[in-house]
Amino acid sequence: MRRLKVRTAIVLFVGLILAAGVPYSQRSQDQIRQEEADDLFQKWIDQDVLYIITDEERVVFTSLTTPEEKEAFIEQFWRRRHPDPDSGINEFREEHYRRIAYANDHFSVGAPGWKTDRGRIYIIHGPPDTTEYFDQGEQYYRPLSEGGGVTTTYSWLRWTYRHIPDIGSNVEVEFVDKTLSGHYVFAQDEMDKDAMLWVPGLGLTEAERLGGATKAERIGTRTMANFATRRVGNPLKMFSQKDDLFERLRRYSHLQTSPGIKFKDLESIVDINLYYDNLSFGVRHDLIRVTSTDYLVPVTFFFDTKDFTFERSGGIRQATLNVYGRVENLSKHRVYHFDETVHLTLSDSQESQPASSRFQKSIPLEPGRYKLVAIVKDVKSGKIGTLERGLIVPGTTEERLEMSPVILADRVQPAKFEEFITDPFVLGNVKVYPSRSERFERGNPLGFYFEVYNVMADQQSLEADLSMRIRLLKEGKEVETPFVDKDLKQLLHRFSDRFFAGSMLNTEPLEPGQYNLIISVTDQIAQETIERSVPFQILTNSRQTG
């Protein structure tokens, strides 16, 4: 009867698995793979980077839920510490894992080497500049900085680092093995290695030998005591700043905490946001051809002034931003980067303050596919915002008539004589302030800018002959423009080896709605026509409706 019950239970169990529609073996494999992935991520944070990950990074990593997010975080973690982003090999990462392997090979005693005190210091700070070894029972002649005298010590080591950032120069780290097991622990002070410390009458300092102090006083003042009290306990000791209790605690704490990131934070935040207080900002890019093989890509940043912290100075208020941008190719190699300080200024005398401000950087690029990583930090509040954009720079040709994409702008105005094309917002010999959203309130001017390339010249006069036409479509139907019956040829100007047009369009006659601006240029000599179209929206003027 018992066998029958067991067999029935097995049949029911198999039946439930089959009814679920998923093979038991397949489900088990998926579960195993998930558990293995979870174990790898847990091992990474609990072992691999235990000593070098910052508290902030740990909080963010533990809040991630998907493997994709964790993998992106790990990639970004190492990139933040990459000493040379242009190199395909992250030397910091390679050195870190070399240190772990060395610690496991040389410091393992009943526990993996990376878990030991020596392993921790070695992984964080690397190999010491000098190493001294003292055997068990060896006579030790104390220097005056330790009070002088002779004692017998446990087995101990002294590592010396010439310099450790944020800690100091000639940093000495001592490890003591009191169990004769090879397990060296971090020494809190010079008394830890003294095997005679608790033996009356032996291992005396020079002051204790001469009768000016007692061992009890020396031991009693080893921790919580000021300079005066400690000097009474060891009057012949040469005290220095490093013997101050709080300085010693600071030094020991820094020795065992994760090192600061040596490389610029803005440059290294690339794939995942480590900050909870994000700044919102916008970015757009445009394409302007410089030569037959190169483009100038103006990248415009748009800032909402309400999101930044302004400080008052005189009659103005000013916010300071750090702006970083990096362009990578498909191999994730950096091809261009910039790091700028930007000041946003508001005047107290203005009745209405601008809701937004902008900054522009022109980037030279060859044809190809790229990724733009943009980062902005408000210096006063410390808040940071990040975003990414894909960039496609098309190939060029010198055989046929070409036209750049049309840039819609809030303002187009003549550039000053001393301003050049590499200056912000300068294109050709005009300044173009691109629109953030290509949405314009009715009554506010709409600017546009474009360039024309590979224009053919007359063989006799060496002059070009271009004509131009502008059309507006509203919901597919053509509407009248201010340029009707006008000779638009006068809008085209020669600049170097190309022509450009930059002008403003009156939007007062346009009803609110969705539009398309269509611009066509004809080379009368080559009998070629090229056309570009760009959408925009006309909004009801808020001041008129108010």
Protein backbone atom coordinates (compact mmCIF):
# COMPACT_ATOMS: atom_id res chain seq x y z
CA MET A 1 0.00 0.00 0.00
CA ARG A 2 2.89 2.34 0.81
CA ARG A 3 4.45 1.76 -2.64
CA LEU A 4 1.17 2.62 -4.33
CA LYS A 5 1.02 5.96 -2.52
CA VAL A 6 4.58 6.86 -3.47
CA ARG A 7 4.01 5.96 -7.12
CA THR A 8 0.77 7.95 -7.18
CA ALA A 9 2.57 10.98 -5.78
CA ILE A 10 5.27 10.74 -8.47
CA VAL A 11 2.65 10.49 -11.23
CA LEU A 12 0.80 13.53 -9.88
CA PHE A 13 4.04 15.54 -9.69
CA VAL A 14 5.00 14.70 -13.28
CA GLY A 15 1.47 15.49 -14.38
CA LEU A 16 1.65 18.93 -12.81
CA ILE A 17 4.93 19.63 -14.61
CA LEU A 18 3.51 18.57 -17.97
CA ALA A 19 0.35 20.57 -17.38
CA ALA A 20 2.44 23.67 -16.83
CA GLY A 21 3.54 23.45 -20.46
CA VAL A 22 7.26 23.96 -19.61
CA PRO A 23 9.70 21.04 -19.46
CA TYR A 24 11.03 20.50 -15.96
CA SER A 25 14.61 20.20 -17.19
CA GLN A 26 14.37 23.47 -19.14
CA ARG A 27 12.89 25.34 -16.21
CA SER A 28 15.61 24.01 -13.95
CA GLN A 29 18.32 25.13 -16.37
CA ASP A 30 16.86 28.65 -16.56
CA GLN A 31 16.67 28.79 -12.80
CA ILE A 32 20.24 27.54 -12.47
CA ARG A 33 21.49 30.13 -14.96
CA GLN A 34 19.71 32.88 -13.05
CA GLU A 35 21.17 31.69 -9.76
CA GLU A 36 24.65 31.53 -11.29
CA ALA A 37 24.30 35.08 -12.61
CA ASP A 38 23.10 36.29 -9.19
CA ASP A 39 26.06 34.54 -7.55
CA LEU A 40 28.50 36.22 -9.95
CA PHE A 41 27.07 39.68 -9.26
CA GLN A 42 27.12 39.02 -5.52
CA LYS A 43 30.71 37.77 -5.70
CA TRP A 44 31.68 40.87 -7.67
CA ILE A 45 30.46 43.28 -5.01
CA ASP A 46 31.31 41.14 -1.94
CA GLN A 47 34.76 40.01 -3.08
CA ASP A 48 36.11 41.47 -6.30
CA VAL A 49 35.60 45.16 -5.50
CA LEU A 50 34.90 44.98 -1.76
CA TYR A 51 37.80 47.29 -0.88
CA ILE A 52 37.59 49.79 -3.74
CA ILE A 53 33.87 50.41 -4.28
CA THR A 54 32.53 53.62 -2.71
CA ASP A 55 29.56 53.63 -0.35
CA GLU A 56 27.51 55.55 -2.90
CA GLU A 57 28.27 53.05 -5.65
CA ARG A 58 27.39 50.14 -3.36
CA VAL A 59 23.99 51.66 -2.57
CA VAL A 60 23.22 52.13 -6.26
CA PHE A 61 24.38 48.64 -7.26
CA THR A 62 22.28 46.93 -4.60
CA SER A 63 19.22 48.86 -5.81
CA LEU A 64 19.54 47.52 -9.38
CA THR A 65 17.19 44.70 -10.30
CA THR A 66 18.01 43.39 -13.77
CA PRO A 67 21.19 41.68 -15.03
CA GLU A 68 21.41 44.25 -17.83
CA GLU A 69 21.49 47.13 -15.33
CA LYS A 70 24.14 45.40 -13.23
CA GLU A 71 26.31 44.61 -16.24
CA ALA A 72 26.08 48.24 -17.37
CA PHE A 73 27.00 49.38 -13.87
CA ILE A 74 30.06 47.11 -13.75
CA GLU A 75 31.25 48.36 -17.13
CA GLN A 76 30.79 51.94 -15.96
CA PHE A 77 32.49 51.21 -12.62
CA TRP A 78 35.72 50.22 -14.32
CA ARG A 79 35.50 53.02 -16.87
CA ARG A 80 35.29 55.61 -14.06
CA ARG A 81 38.71 54.36 -12.94
CA HIS A 82 40.22 54.00 -16.43
CA PRO A 83 43.46 56.02 -16.48
CA ASP A 84 43.44 56.29 -20.29
CA PRO A 85 39.99 56.08 -21.95
CA ASP A 86 41.67 56.00 -25.37
CA SER A 87 43.36 52.70 -24.54
CA GLY A 88 41.60 49.41 -25.18
CA ILE A 89 43.06 47.92 -21.97
CA ASN A 90 41.94 49.23 -18.59
CA GLU A 91 45.21 49.15 -16.67
CA PHE A 92 43.48 49.90 -13.37
CA ARG A 93 41.25 46.85 -13.69
CA GLU A 94 44.13 44.62 -14.76
CA GLU A 95 46.27 45.78 -11.82
CA HIS A 96 43.40 45.30 -9.37
CA TYR A 97 42.86 41.66 -10.30
CA ARG A 98 46.64 41.09 -10.29
CA ARG A 99 46.73 42.33 -6.70
CA ILE A 100 43.89 39.99 -5.70
CA ALA A 101 45.73 37.04 -7.26
CA TYR A 102 48.97 38.01 -5.49
CA ALA A 103 47.19 38.36 -2.15
CA ASN A 104 45.61 34.91 -2.53
CA ASP A 105 48.96 33.37 -3.47
CA HIS A 106 51.04 34.96 -0.67
CA PHE A 107 48.75 35.85 2.25
CA SER A 108 46.33 32.91 2.51
CA VAL A 109 46.42 31.36 6.01
CA GLY A 110 43.22 29.50 6.89
CA ALA A 111 41.34 32.09 4.80
CA PRO A 112 41.77 33.46 1.29
CA GLY A 113 44.51 36.05 1.08
CA TRP A 114 42.15 38.80 -0.04
CA LYS A 115 40.32 38.51 3.31
CA THR A 116 43.43 39.12 5.43
CA ASP A 117 44.65 42.48 6.69
CA ARG A 118 47.74 42.27 4.50
CA GLY A 119 45.58 41.39 1.52
CA ARG A 120 43.30 44.36 2.14
CA ILE A 121 46.15 46.88 2.36
CA TYR A 122 47.91 45.32 -0.64
CA ILE A 123 44.77 45.36 -2.82
CA ILE A 124 43.97 48.98 -1.94
CA HIS A 125 47.46 50.49 -2.04
CA GLY A 126 49.54 48.01 -4.01
CA PRO A 127 53.00 46.65 -3.09
CA PRO A 128 54.92 48.65 -0.46
CA ASP A 129 58.09 50.47 -1.41
CA THR A 130 60.05 48.68 1.33
CA THR A 131 59.32 45.61 3.48
CA GLU A 132 61.03 44.68 6.77
CA TYR A 133 60.62 41.30 8.49
CA PHE A 134 61.25 40.56 12.17
CA ASP A 135 61.19 36.98 13.45
CA GLN A 136 59.48 35.60 16.55
CA GLY A 137 61.58 36.13 19.73
CA GLU A 138 63.95 38.52 18.03
CA GLN A 139 65.50 41.28 20.11
CA TYR A 140 64.19 44.65 19.07
CA TYR A 141 65.98 47.89 19.85
CA ARG A 142 63.28 50.49 19.93
CA PRO A 143 63.99 53.84 18.27
CA LEU A 144 63.46 56.94 20.42
CA SER A 145 60.20 57.53 18.54
CA GLU A 146 58.95 54.43 20.39
CA GLY A 147 60.60 55.20 23.71
CA GLY A 148 63.93 53.41 23.29
CA GLY A 149 65.00 50.34 25.24
CA VAL A 150 65.17 46.68 24.24
CA THR A 151 62.37 44.12 24.07
CA THR A 152 61.46 40.83 22.46
CA THR A 153 58.82 40.84 19.73
CA TYR A 154 56.33 38.61 18.07
CA SER A 155 56.88 37.92 14.40
CA TRP A 156 55.99 41.15 12.61
CA LEU A 157 56.29 43.06 9.34
CA ARG A 158 56.72 46.71 8.51
CA TRP A 159 55.55 47.98 5.12
CA THR A 160 56.57 51.49 4.12
CA TYR A 161 54.91 53.52 1.35
CA ARG A 162 56.74 56.61 0.15
CA HIS A 163 53.44 58.41 -0.44
CA ILE A 164 49.74 57.57 -0.28
CA PRO A 165 47.30 60.27 -1.47
CA ASP A 166 45.13 61.74 1.32
CA ILE A 167 47.26 59.96 3.95
CA GLY A 168 50.78 61.32 3.67
CA SER A 169 54.41 60.50 2.94
CA ASN A 170 56.58 57.73 4.45
CA VAL A 171 53.51 55.87 5.67
CA GLU A 172 54.44 52.87 7.82
CA VAL A 173 52.06 49.93 8.23
CA GLU A 174 52.83 47.18 10.74
CA PHE A 175 51.40 43.65 10.86
CA VAL A 176 51.88 41.30 13.84
CA ASP A 177 51.58 37.49 14.11
CA LYS A 178 50.86 36.70 17.77
CA THR A 179 49.69 33.12 17.14
CA LEU A 180 52.75 31.75 15.31
CA SER A 181 50.37 30.71 12.51
CA GLY A 182 51.49 33.10 9.80
CA HIS A 183 48.28 35.12 10.23
CA TYR A 184 49.48 38.73 10.44
CA VAL A 185 46.97 41.28 11.71
CA PHE A 186 46.97 45.05 11.41
CA ALA A 187 48.89 46.68 14.31
CA GLN A 188 47.12 49.60 16.00
CA ASP A 189 50.34 51.02 17.50
CA GLU A 190 53.98 50.18 18.20
CA MET A 191 53.09 48.19 21.35
CA ASP A 192 51.21 45.47 19.44
CA LYS A 193 54.44 43.75 18.39
CA ASP A 194 55.95 43.81 21.92
CA ALA A 195 55.87 40.23 23.30
CA MET A 196 57.00 41.55 26.72
CA LEU A 197 54.28 44.19 27.01
CA TRP A 198 52.40 42.41 29.79
CA VAL A 199 55.43 40.82 31.46
CA PRO A 200 56.53 42.79 34.56
CA GLY A 201 60.14 43.98 34.55
CA LEU A 202 60.93 42.93 30.97
CA GLY A 203 60.96 44.82 27.69
CA LEU A 204 61.28 48.19 29.39
CA THR A 205 61.54 51.48 27.56
CA GLU A 206 64.50 53.74 28.34
CA ALA A 207 62.42 55.88 30.72
CA GLU A 208 61.11 52.78 32.53
CA ARG A 209 64.66 51.37 32.86
CA LEU A 210 65.89 54.62 34.39
CA GLY A 211 62.96 54.72 36.78
CA GLY A 212 61.25 57.83 35.43
CA ALA A 213 58.13 55.95 34.35
CA THR A 214 56.34 52.65 34.77
CA LYS A 215 55.11 50.13 32.24
CA ALA A 216 51.60 50.46 33.67
CA GLU A 217 51.57 54.17 32.82
CA ARG A 218 52.77 53.44 29.29
CA ILE A 219 50.07 50.82 28.72
CA GLY A 220 47.40 52.95 30.34
CA THR A 221 47.98 55.85 27.97
CA ARG A 222 48.20 53.90 24.71
CA THR A 223 44.72 54.90 23.47
CA MET A 224 42.56 57.69 24.90
CA ALA A 225 45.10 60.23 26.14
CA ASN A 226 46.37 63.66 25.12
CA PHE A 227 50.01 64.52 24.44
CA ALA A 228 50.70 65.66 28.01
CA THR A 229 49.31 62.51 29.61
CA ARG A 230 51.08 60.24 27.17
CA ARG A 231 54.38 62.04 27.73
CA VAL A 232 54.07 61.34 31.46
CA GLY A 233 53.67 57.64 30.66
CA ASN A 234 56.68 57.61 28.34
CA PRO A 235 58.74 60.77 29.01
CA LEU A 236 61.73 59.92 26.76
CA LYS A 237 59.65 59.11 23.71
CA MET A 238 60.00 61.51 20.77
CA PHE A 239 56.38 62.35 20.04
CA SER A 240 55.31 63.62 16.62
CA GLN A 241 52.05 64.62 14.97
CA LYS A 242 51.45 61.05 13.81
CA ASP A 243 51.23 59.97 17.48
CA ASP A 244 48.16 62.13 18.04
CA LEU A 245 45.22 59.84 18.75
CA PHE A 246 42.86 61.34 16.20
CA GLU A 247 45.56 61.59 13.54
CA ARG A 248 46.39 57.94 14.12
CA LEU A 249 42.73 56.92 13.86
CA ARG A 250 42.35 59.00 10.69
CA ARG A 251 45.43 57.36 9.16
CA TYR A 252 44.28 53.85 10.03
CA SER A 253 40.79 54.56 8.73
CA HIS A 254 42.08 55.94 5.42
CA LEU A 255 44.42 53.00 5.00
CA GLN A 256 41.49 50.59 5.06
CA THR A 257 38.86 52.52 3.09
CA SER A 258 38.29 52.55 -0.64
CA PRO A 259 40.61 54.92 -2.52
CA GLY A 260 39.16 58.00 -4.13
CA ILE A 261 38.56 57.95 -7.87
CA LYS A 262 41.64 59.60 -9.34
CA PHE A 263 40.09 60.66 -12.61
CA LYS A 264 37.55 63.38 -13.25
CA ASP A 265 34.06 62.30 -12.21
CA LEU A 266 32.32 64.11 -15.06
CA GLU A 267 34.57 62.44 -17.60
CA SER A 268 33.90 59.02 -16.22
CA ILE A 269 30.14 58.99 -15.67
CA VAL A 270 29.07 57.38 -18.91
CA ASP A 271 26.63 54.50 -18.78
CA ILE A 272 24.58 54.65 -15.61
CA ASN A 273 23.53 57.51 -13.37
CA LEU A 274 24.95 57.31 -9.85
CA TYR A 275 23.11 60.36 -8.59
CA TYR A 276 19.56 60.65 -7.35
CA ASP A 277 19.22 64.44 -7.78
CA ASN A 278 19.32 64.73 -11.54
CA LEU A 279 19.53 67.93 -13.51
CA SER A 280 17.39 68.08 -16.61
CA PHE A 281 18.88 69.67 -19.69
CA GLY A 282 18.52 69.30 -23.44
CA VAL A 283 21.02 68.74 -26.21
CA ARG A 284 20.75 69.01 -29.98
CA HIS A 285 23.35 68.68 -32.69
CA ASP A 286 23.52 69.96 -36.25
CA LEU A 287 25.70 69.10 -39.23
CA ILE A 288 27.82 71.63 -41.13
CA ARG A 289 30.29 70.45 -43.75
CA VAL A 290 33.77 71.96 -43.53
CA THR A 291 35.68 70.02 -46.21
CA SER A 292 34.91 67.15 -48.54
CA THR A 293 35.82 64.71 -45.75
CA ASP A 294 35.09 66.57 -42.50
CA TYR A 295 32.10 68.03 -40.69
CA LEU A 296 31.69 70.57 -37.95
CA VAL A 297 28.99 69.36 -35.55
CA PRO A 298 27.63 72.19 -33.36
CA VAL A 299 26.34 70.63 -30.12
CA THR A 300 23.97 72.96 -28.27
CA PHE A 301 23.11 72.53 -24.58
CA PHE A 302 19.82 73.97 -23.29
CA PHE A 303 19.49 74.68 -19.56
CA ASP A 304 16.32 75.41 -17.58
CA THR A 305 17.39 78.25 -15.28
CA LYS A 306 14.93 77.20 -12.56
CA ASP A 307 16.86 73.95 -12.02
CA PHE A 308 20.18 75.60 -11.08
CA THR A 309 21.41 77.31 -7.94
CA PHE A 310 22.10 81.01 -8.47
CA GLU A 311 24.24 83.18 -6.18
CA ARG A 312 23.66 86.91 -5.96
CA SER A 313 26.57 89.25 -6.64
CA GLY A 314 25.84 92.94 -7.03
CA GLY A 315 23.00 93.42 -9.46
CA ILE A 316 23.21 89.95 -11.01
CA ARG A 317 22.64 86.34 -10.05
CA GLN A 318 24.99 83.72 -11.41
CA ALA A 319 25.09 79.92 -11.55
CA THR A 320 28.29 78.02 -12.40
CA LEU A 321 28.14 74.76 -14.36
CA ASN A 322 30.73 72.20 -15.33
CA VAL A 323 29.90 70.79 -18.76
CA TYR A 324 31.60 67.67 -20.06
CA GLY A 325 31.04 65.97 -23.39
CA ARG A 326 32.61 62.95 -25.02
CA VAL A 327 32.14 61.46 -28.48
CA GLU A 328 32.85 57.74 -28.94
CA ASN A 329 32.90 55.60 -32.05
CA LEU A 330 31.28 52.18 -32.30
CA SER A 331 34.38 50.61 -30.70
CA LYS A 332 33.81 52.85 -27.65
CA HIS A 333 37.07 54.69 -28.28
CA ARG A 334 37.01 58.39 -27.53
CA VAL A 335 37.43 60.54 -30.64
CA TYR A 336 36.72 63.92 -29.04
CA HIS A 337 35.98 65.36 -25.62
CA PHE A 338 35.64 68.74 -23.96
CA ASP A 339 35.35 70.07 -20.41
CA GLU A 340 34.04 73.62 -19.99
CA THR A 341 32.95 75.92 -17.18
CA VAL A 342 29.74 77.76 -18.07
CA HIS A 343 28.22 80.72 -16.23
CA LEU A 344 24.48 81.41 -16.36
CA THR A 345 23.69 85.03 -15.51
CA LEU A 346 20.36 86.65 -14.61
CA SER A 347 19.93 90.38 -14.07
CA ASP A 348 17.91 91.70 -11.13
CA SER A 349 16.85 94.68 -13.24
CA GLN A 350 14.99 92.58 -15.81
CA GLU A 351 11.25 92.32 -15.22
CA SER A 352 11.02 88.85 -16.80
CA GLN A 353 13.89 86.43 -16.57
CA PRO A 354 14.68 83.99 -19.38
CA ALA A 355 13.36 80.52 -18.65
CA SER A 356 16.30 78.88 -20.38
CA SER A 357 19.87 79.47 -21.41
CA ARG A 358 22.20 77.71 -23.82
CA PHE A 359 25.82 76.77 -24.46
CA GLN A 360 27.39 75.46 -27.65
CA LYS A 361 30.50 73.50 -28.57
CA SER A 362 31.48 72.70 -32.17
CA ILE A 363 33.02 69.26 -32.69
CA PRO A 364 35.01 68.26 -35.80
CA LEU A 365 34.06 64.76 -36.99
CA GLU A 366 34.63 62.54 -39.99
CA PRO A 367 31.73 60.63 -41.57
CA GLY A 368 30.64 57.72 -39.39
CA ARG A 369 28.43 56.65 -36.48
CA TYR A 370 29.11 57.98 -32.99
CA LYS A 371 27.68 58.28 -29.49
CA LEU A 372 27.67 61.59 -27.65
CA VAL A 373 27.77 61.41 -23.83
CA ALA A 374 26.89 64.73 -22.18
CA ILE A 375 27.20 65.53 -18.47
CA VAL A 376 26.34 68.73 -16.58
CA LYS A 377 27.10 69.51 -12.94
CA ASP A 378 25.76 72.42 -10.92
CA VAL A 379 28.85 73.45 -8.96
CA LYS A 380 26.88 75.05 -6.11
CA SER A 381 24.36 72.25 -5.42
CA GLY A 382 26.50 69.34 -6.66
CA LYS A 383 23.60 67.95 -8.70
CA ILE A 384 24.49 66.14 -11.91
CA GLY A 385 22.59 65.30 -15.08
CA THR A 386 23.57 62.96 -17.90
CA LEU A 387 22.25 62.00 -21.30
CA GLU A 388 23.34 60.23 -24.48
CA ARG A 389 22.68 60.89 -28.16
CA GLY A 390 23.52 58.97 -31.29
CA LEU A 391 25.36 60.91 -34.01
CA ILE A 392 25.40 59.95 -37.67
CA VAL A 393 27.75 61.97 -39.87
CA PRO A 394 26.98 61.17 -43.52
CA GLY A 395 29.48 60.69 -46.28
CA THR A 396 30.08 63.51 -48.77
CA THR A 397 30.48 63.85 -52.51
CA GLU A 398 32.01 66.56 -54.67
CA GLU A 399 30.12 65.61 -57.79
CA ARG A 400 26.53 66.66 -57.15
CA LEU A 401 24.77 69.62 -55.57
CA GLU A 402 24.39 69.13 -51.81
CA MET A 403 22.54 70.94 -49.07
CA SER A 404 22.96 70.79 -45.30
CA PRO A 405 20.00 70.05 -43.02
CA VAL A 406 17.99 73.19 -42.26
CA ILE A 407 18.59 74.55 -38.75
CA LEU A 408 15.56 76.24 -37.21
CA ALA A 409 16.64 78.96 -34.82
CA ASP A 410 15.26 81.35 -32.24
CA ARG A 411 17.55 84.04 -33.59
CA VAL A 412 19.83 84.63 -36.60
CA GLN A 413 21.99 87.75 -36.58
CA PRO A 414 25.21 89.01 -38.21
CA ALA A 415 28.42 87.87 -36.54
CA LYS A 416 30.98 90.39 -35.39
CA PHE A 417 34.05 90.94 -37.53
CA GLU A 418 36.37 89.28 -35.02
CA GLU A 419 34.17 86.20 -34.57
CA PHE A 420 35.14 83.05 -36.46
CA ILE A 421 33.39 79.82 -37.36
CA THR A 422 34.95 78.04 -34.35
CA ASP A 423 33.29 80.51 -31.96
CA PRO A 424 29.99 79.43 -30.37
CA PHE A 425 26.90 79.87 -32.54
CA VAL A 426 28.88 81.29 -35.52
CA LEU A 427 28.08 79.70 -38.90
CA GLY A 428 29.30 81.34 -42.06
CA ASN A 429 29.32 85.00 -41.09
CA VAL A 430 26.13 84.94 -39.01
CA LYS A 431 25.30 83.78 -35.48
CA VAL A 432 22.64 81.09 -35.28
CA TYR A 433 20.94 80.25 -31.99
CA PRO A 434 19.23 76.89 -32.63
CA SER A 435 15.74 76.24 -31.33
CA ARG A 436 15.47 73.67 -28.55
CA SER A 437 12.19 72.09 -29.63
CA GLU A 438 11.40 73.67 -33.02
CA ARG A 439 8.23 75.08 -31.47
CA PHE A 440 7.60 78.80 -31.85
CA GLU A 441 4.98 81.09 -30.36
CA ARG A 442 2.98 83.00 -32.92
CA GLY A 443 4.43 86.47 -33.43
CA ASN A 444 7.95 85.43 -32.44
CA PRO A 445 10.40 85.32 -35.35
CA LEU A 446 11.43 81.94 -36.74
CA GLY A 447 15.00 81.77 -37.96
CA PHE A 448 16.50 79.31 -40.42
CA TYR A 449 19.99 78.52 -41.68
CA PHE A 450 21.40 76.12 -44.28
CA GLU A 451 24.40 75.70 -46.55
CA VAL A 452 24.80 74.61 -50.18
CA TYR A 453 27.86 72.72 -51.48
CA ASN A 454 29.34 71.71 -54.84
CA VAL A 455 27.90 74.68 -56.72
CA MET A 456 29.04 74.86 -60.35
CA ALA A 457 30.58 78.12 -61.62
CA ASP A 458 30.28 79.63 -65.11
CA GLN A 459 33.42 78.89 -67.13
CA GLN A 460 33.66 82.45 -68.40
CA SER A 461 32.73 84.59 -65.40
CA LEU A 462 33.54 82.02 -62.70
CA GLU A 463 30.32 83.10 -61.04
CA ALA A 464 27.59 80.79 -59.70
CA ASP A 465 23.93 81.14 -60.66
CA LEU A 466 21.59 79.94 -57.92
CA SER A 467 17.87 80.39 -57.39
CA MET A 468 15.92 79.63 -54.24
CA ARG A 469 12.33 78.87 -53.30
CA ILE A 470 10.64 78.68 -49.89
CA ARG A 471 7.28 76.99 -49.28
CA LEU A 472 5.17 76.41 -46.18
CA LEU A 473 2.82 73.48 -45.78
CA LYS A 474 0.21 73.36 -43.02
CA GLU A 475 -1.24 69.90 -42.57
CA GLY A 476 -0.28 69.06 -46.16
CA LYS A 477 -1.69 72.25 -47.74
CA GLU A 478 0.52 75.06 -48.98
CA VAL A 479 0.07 78.44 -47.27
CA GLU A 480 1.29 81.87 -48.22
CA THR A 481 4.72 82.96 -46.97
CA PRO A 482 6.24 86.43 -46.55
CA PHE A 483 8.68 85.49 -49.33
CA VAL A 484 6.07 85.26 -52.10
CA ASP A 485 7.00 87.28 -55.20
CA LYS A 486 10.40 88.14 -53.74
CA ASP A 487 13.76 87.39 -55.29
CA LEU A 488 15.16 84.99 -52.72
CA LYS A 489 18.49 84.82 -54.51
CA GLN A 490 19.63 87.73 -52.37
CA LEU A 491 19.38 85.55 -49.27
CA LEU A 492 22.19 83.31 -50.57
CA HIS A 493 25.72 84.42 -49.71
CA ARG A 494 29.07 82.95 -50.65
CA PHE A 495 31.33 81.85 -47.84
CA SER A 496 34.60 80.17 -48.80
CA ASP A 497 33.71 77.24 -51.10
CA ARG A 498 29.98 77.11 -50.27
CA PHE A 499 26.87 79.27 -50.10
CA PHE A 500 24.70 79.83 -47.03
CA ALA A 501 21.38 81.44 -46.21
CA GLY A 502 20.35 82.67 -42.79
CA SER A 503 17.20 84.70 -42.26
CA MET A 504 14.17 85.28 -40.05
CA LEU A 505 10.55 84.47 -40.88
CA ASN A 506 7.62 86.47 -39.49
CA THR A 507 5.18 84.06 -37.84
CA GLU A 508 2.42 86.60 -37.12
CA PRO A 509 0.36 85.60 -40.22
CA LEU A 510 0.58 81.89 -39.33
CA GLU A 511 -2.27 80.23 -37.48
CA PRO A 512 -1.30 77.81 -34.67
CA GLY A 513 -0.67 74.33 -35.98
CA GLN A 514 1.86 71.93 -37.46
CA TYR A 515 3.93 73.13 -40.44
CA ASN A 516 6.67 72.05 -42.80
CA LEU A 517 9.24 74.51 -44.09
CA ILE A 518 10.44 73.39 -47.52
CA ILE A 519 13.49 75.05 -49.07
CA SER A 520 14.73 74.23 -52.55
CA VAL A 521 17.85 75.55 -54.28
CA THR A 522 18.54 75.24 -58.00
CA ASP A 523 21.95 75.45 -59.63
CA GLN A 524 21.01 77.03 -62.97
CA ILE A 525 24.36 76.20 -64.53
CA ALA A 526 24.39 72.53 -63.58
CA GLN A 527 20.59 72.29 -63.91
CA GLU A 528 20.36 70.55 -60.57
CA THR A 529 17.86 71.14 -57.75
CA ILE A 530 18.10 70.03 -54.16
CA GLU A 531 15.39 70.31 -51.52
CA ARG A 532 15.20 70.06 -47.73
CA SER A 533 12.15 69.96 -45.45
CA VAL A 534 11.95 70.56 -41.70
CA PRO A 535 8.82 70.39 -39.48
CA PHE A 536 7.93 72.98 -36.86
CA GLN A 537 4.97 74.01 -34.75
CA ILE A 538 3.32 77.37 -34.22
CA LEU A 539 1.84 77.85 -30.73
CA THR A 540 -0.65 80.38 -29.46
CA ASN A 541 1.23 83.33 -27.99
CA SER A 542 0.92 83.07 -24.22
CA ARG A 543 1.13 86.84 -23.74
CA GLN A 544 -1.66 87.47 -26.23
CA THR A 545 -3.96 84.89 -24.64
CA GLY A 546 -3.19 86.13 -21.14
